[in-house]
Amino acid sequence: MPLKIFLIEDNEMLRNELREALEEVVPVEVVGSANNERTAVHWLSSHDGGWDVAIVDLQLKQGSGIAALEWCRTRRKDQRVVVLSNYLTEDVRTRCLALGADAAFDKSHDIDKLLDYCRERHDAVRA
């Protein structure tokens, strides 16, 4: 059974590349995506149990991924939220973790770590 991923990323090219990279390493199903804060929060709130991992970019076309992180505080205990951002300073990482993110990755050099995280999550959920 695939790991259900929800992508919050405003760059369509990166969103597609991320989907392809995930599909190469992990049995995944990208169940939805959003490129702005409003769409992200609406999708999450109307698909409460329809995802396993949400991957959240902080800089969006409209709004930010912070609202999605805040909404995800109400998620099920088996769901995970990870941040994937170009602006991941230690302060930003600390804030994201304080808001409930399970992990935070830098887009420029942590993609392999994100893929490893998703592979491990798939194995844990599907074991």
C-alpha atoms as a PDB file:
ATOM      1  CA  MET A   1       0.000   0.000   0.000  1.00  0.00           C
ATOM      2  CA  PRO A   2       1.497   3.367  -0.939  1.00  0.00           C
ATOM      3  CA  LEU A   3       2.320   6.181   1.449  1.00  0.00           C
ATOM      4  CA  LYS A   4      -0.213   8.989   0.884  1.00  0.00           C
ATOM      5  CA  ILE A   5       1.546  12.324   0.409  1.00  0.00           C
ATOM      6  CA  PHE A   6       0.054  15.828   0.327  1.00  0.00           C
ATOM      7  CA  LEU A   7       2.399  18.430  -1.210  1.00  0.00           C
ATOM      8  CA  ILE A   8       2.257  22.104  -0.305  1.00  0.00           C
ATOM      9  CA  GLU A   9       4.600  23.711  -2.825  1.00  0.00           C
ATOM     10  CA  ASP A  10       4.029  26.700  -5.099  1.00  0.00           C
ATOM     11  CA  ASN A  11       6.687  25.870  -7.709  1.00  0.00           C
ATOM     12  CA  GLU A  12       4.991  23.505 -10.165  1.00  0.00           C
ATOM     13  CA  MET A  13       8.267  22.253 -11.631  1.00  0.00           C
ATOM     14  CA  LEU A  14       9.659  21.446  -8.186  1.00  0.00           C
ATOM     15  CA  ARG A  15       6.373  19.828  -7.176  1.00  0.00           C
ATOM     16  CA  ASN A  16       6.562  17.524 -10.215  1.00  0.00           C
ATOM     17  CA  GLU A  17      10.249  16.750  -9.645  1.00  0.00           C
ATOM     18  CA  LEU A  18       9.567  15.956  -6.011  1.00  0.00           C
ATOM     19  CA  ARG A  19       6.692  13.670  -6.976  1.00  0.00           C
ATOM     20  CA  GLU A  20       8.925  11.838  -9.468  1.00  0.00           C
ATOM     21  CA  ALA A  21      11.777  11.499  -6.956  1.00  0.00           C
ATOM     22  CA  LEU A  22       9.422  10.134  -4.306  1.00  0.00           C
ATOM     23  CA  GLU A  23       7.874   7.666  -6.746  1.00  0.00           C
ATOM     24  CA  GLU A  24      11.337   6.343  -7.668  1.00  0.00           C
ATOM     25  CA  VAL A  25      12.281   5.455  -4.083  1.00  0.00           C
ATOM     26  CA  VAL A  26       9.071   4.909  -2.155  1.00  0.00           C
ATOM     27  CA  PRO A  27       5.682   3.461  -3.013  1.00  0.00           C
ATOM     28  CA  VAL A  28       3.746   6.729  -2.774  1.00  0.00           C
ATOM     29  CA  GLU A  29       0.517   8.235  -3.937  1.00  0.00           C
ATOM     30  CA  VAL A  30       0.411  12.007  -4.099  1.00  0.00           C
ATOM     31  CA  VAL A  31      -3.184  12.496  -3.007  1.00  0.00           C
ATOM     32  CA  GLY A  32      -3.240  16.263  -3.458  1.00  0.00           C
ATOM     33  CA  SER A  33      -1.270  19.449  -3.656  1.00  0.00           C
ATOM     34  CA  ALA A  34      -1.635  23.142  -2.967  1.00  0.00           C
ATOM     35  CA  ASN A  35       0.326  26.206  -4.015  1.00  0.00           C
ATOM     36  CA  ASN A  36      -1.132  28.657  -1.499  1.00  0.00           C
ATOM     37  CA  GLU A  37      -2.097  28.827   2.158  1.00  0.00           C
ATOM     38  CA  ARG A  38      -5.876  28.888   1.709  1.00  0.00           C
ATOM     39  CA  THR A  39      -5.986  25.843  -0.581  1.00  0.00           C
ATOM     40  CA  ALA A  40      -3.594  23.929   1.680  1.00  0.00           C
ATOM     41  CA  VAL A  41      -5.607  24.486   4.844  1.00  0.00           C
ATOM     42  CA  HIS A  42      -8.914  23.821   3.058  1.00  0.00           C
ATOM     43  CA  TRP A  43      -7.647  20.527   1.613  1.00  0.00           C
ATOM     44  CA  LEU A  44      -6.173  19.373   4.921  1.00  0.00           C
ATOM     45  CA  SER A  45      -9.344  20.221   6.842  1.00  0.00           C
ATOM     46  CA  SER A  46     -11.605  18.453   4.350  1.00  0.00           C
ATOM     47  CA  HIS A  47      -9.389  15.343   3.968  1.00  0.00           C
ATOM     48  CA  ASP A  48      -8.634  14.712   7.608  1.00  0.00           C
ATOM     49  CA  GLY A  49      -7.684  11.038   7.255  1.00  0.00           C
ATOM     50  CA  GLY A  50      -6.710  11.057   3.588  1.00  0.00           C
ATOM     51  CA  TRP A  51      -2.950  11.494   3.969  1.00  0.00           C
ATOM     52  CA  ASP A  52       0.042  10.036   5.792  1.00  0.00           C
ATOM     53  CA  VAL A  53       2.678  12.736   5.247  1.00  0.00           C
ATOM     54  CA  ALA A  54       2.269  16.418   4.384  1.00  0.00           C
ATOM     55  CA  ILE A  55       5.330  18.086   2.870  1.00  0.00           C
ATOM     56  CA  VAL A  56       5.137  21.826   3.469  1.00  0.00           C
ATOM     57  CA  ASP A  57       7.026  24.664   1.789  1.00  0.00           C
ATOM     58  CA  LEU A  58       7.030  27.844   3.875  1.00  0.00           C
ATOM     59  CA  GLN A  59       7.091  30.382   1.024  1.00  0.00           C
ATOM     60  CA  LEU A  60       3.928  30.120  -1.064  1.00  0.00           C
ATOM     61  CA  LYS A  61       2.347  32.221  -3.818  1.00  0.00           C
ATOM     62  CA  GLN A  62      -0.190  33.522  -1.322  1.00  0.00           C
ATOM     63  CA  GLY A  63       0.297  33.196   2.390  1.00  0.00           C
ATOM     64  CA  SER A  64       2.748  30.762   3.901  1.00  0.00           C
ATOM     65  CA  GLY A  65       3.069  27.163   4.976  1.00  0.00           C
ATOM     66  CA  ILE A  66       2.961  28.267   8.617  1.00  0.00           C
ATOM     67  CA  ALA A  67      -0.868  28.187   8.586  1.00  0.00           C
ATOM     68  CA  ALA A  68      -0.764  24.597   7.330  1.00  0.00           C
ATOM     69  CA  LEU A  69       1.661  23.701  10.116  1.00  0.00           C
ATOM     70  CA  GLU A  70      -0.643  25.286  12.649  1.00  0.00           C
ATOM     71  CA  TRP A  71      -3.666  23.401  11.288  1.00  0.00           C
ATOM     72  CA  CYS A  72      -1.692  20.152  11.408  1.00  0.00           C
ATOM     73  CA  ARG A  73      -1.519  20.363  15.186  1.00  0.00           C
ATOM     74  CA  THR A  74      -4.957  18.716  15.066  1.00  0.00           C
ATOM     75  CA  ARG A  75      -3.817  15.845  12.831  1.00  0.00           C
ATOM     76  CA  ARG A  76      -4.013  12.173  13.766  1.00  0.00           C
ATOM     77  CA  LYS A  77      -1.095  10.769  15.730  1.00  0.00           C
ATOM     78  CA  ASP A  78      -0.006   8.545  12.841  1.00  0.00           C
ATOM     79  CA  GLN A  79       0.218  11.446  10.365  1.00  0.00           C
ATOM     80  CA  ARG A  80       3.495  13.299   9.854  1.00  0.00           C
ATOM     81  CA  VAL A  81       4.262  16.825   8.697  1.00  0.00           C
ATOM     82  CA  VAL A  82       7.629  17.834   7.322  1.00  0.00           C
ATOM     83  CA  VAL A  83       8.890  21.202   6.164  1.00  0.00           C
ATOM     84  CA  LEU A  84      10.878  21.518   2.928  1.00  0.00           C
ATOM     85  CA  SER A  85      12.170  25.046   2.473  1.00  0.00           C
ATOM     86  CA  ASN A  86      14.949  27.139   0.951  1.00  0.00           C
ATOM     87  CA  TYR A  87      14.844  29.383   4.016  1.00  0.00           C
ATOM     88  CA  LEU A  88      15.664  26.901   6.745  1.00  0.00           C
ATOM     89  CA  THR A  89      17.841  28.709   9.253  1.00  0.00           C
ATOM     90  CA  GLU A  90      18.206  27.240  12.733  1.00  0.00           C
ATOM     91  CA  ASP A  91      15.640  29.760  14.023  1.00  0.00           C
ATOM     92  CA  VAL A  92      13.154  28.780  11.311  1.00  0.00           C
ATOM     93  CA  ARG A  93      13.758  25.068  11.950  1.00  0.00           C
ATOM     94  CA  THR A  94      13.188  25.584  15.680  1.00  0.00           C
ATOM     95  CA  ARG A  95       9.963  27.513  15.032  1.00  0.00           C
ATOM     96  CA  CYS A  96       8.666  24.843  12.647  1.00  0.00           C
ATOM     97  CA  LEU A  97       9.353  22.073  15.153  1.00  0.00           C
ATOM     98  CA  ALA A  98       7.669  24.139  17.872  1.00  0.00           C
ATOM     99  CA  LEU A  99       4.610  24.479  15.617  1.00  0.00           C
ATOM    100  CA  GLY A 100       4.408  20.708  15.308  1.00  0.00           C
ATOM    101  CA  ALA A 101       6.549  19.744  12.324  1.00  0.00           C
ATOM    102  CA  ASP A 102       8.060  16.293  12.742  1.00  0.00           C
ATOM    103  CA  ALA A 103      11.123  17.202  10.658  1.00  0.00           C
ATOM    104  CA  ALA A 104      12.487  20.059   8.566  1.00  0.00           C
ATOM    105  CA  PHE A 105      14.634  19.773   5.449  1.00  0.00           C
ATOM    106  CA  ASP A 106      16.496  22.295   3.311  1.00  0.00           C
ATOM    107  CA  LYS A 107      15.556  22.148  -0.388  1.00  0.00           C
ATOM    108  CA  SER A 108      19.083  22.855  -1.532  1.00  0.00           C
ATOM    109  CA  HIS A 109      20.831  19.941   0.159  1.00  0.00           C
ATOM    110  CA  ASP A 110      18.406  17.720   2.110  1.00  0.00           C
ATOM    111  CA  ILE A 111      16.276  16.113  -0.626  1.00  0.00           C
ATOM    112  CA  ASP A 112      17.950  12.737  -0.048  1.00  0.00           C
ATOM    113  CA  LYS A 113      17.205  13.055   3.673  1.00  0.00           C
ATOM    114  CA  LEU A 114      13.556  13.800   2.858  1.00  0.00           C
ATOM    115  CA  LEU A 115      13.382  10.738   0.601  1.00  0.00           C
ATOM    116  CA  ASP A 116      14.970   8.607   3.348  1.00  0.00           C
ATOM    117  CA  TYR A 117      12.440   9.998   5.844  1.00  0.00           C
ATOM    118  CA  CYS A 118       9.534   9.075   3.552  1.00  0.00           C
ATOM    119  CA  ARG A 119      10.975   5.595   2.905  1.00  0.00           C
ATOM    120  CA  GLU A 120      11.323   5.004   6.658  1.00  0.00           C
ATOM    121  CA  ARG A 121       7.810   6.342   7.246  1.00  0.00           C
ATOM    122  CA  HIS A 122       6.390   4.041   4.566  1.00  0.00           C
ATOM    123  CA  ASP A 123       8.114   1.028   6.127  1.00  0.00           C
ATOM    124  CA  ALA A 124       6.871   1.973   9.614  1.00  0.00           C
ATOM    125  CA  VAL A 125       3.281   2.597   8.522  1.00  0.00           C
ATOM    126  CA  ARG A 126       2.999  -0.402   6.234  1.00  0.00           C
ATOM    127  CA  ALA A 127       4.853  -2.925   8.431  1.00  0.00           C
END
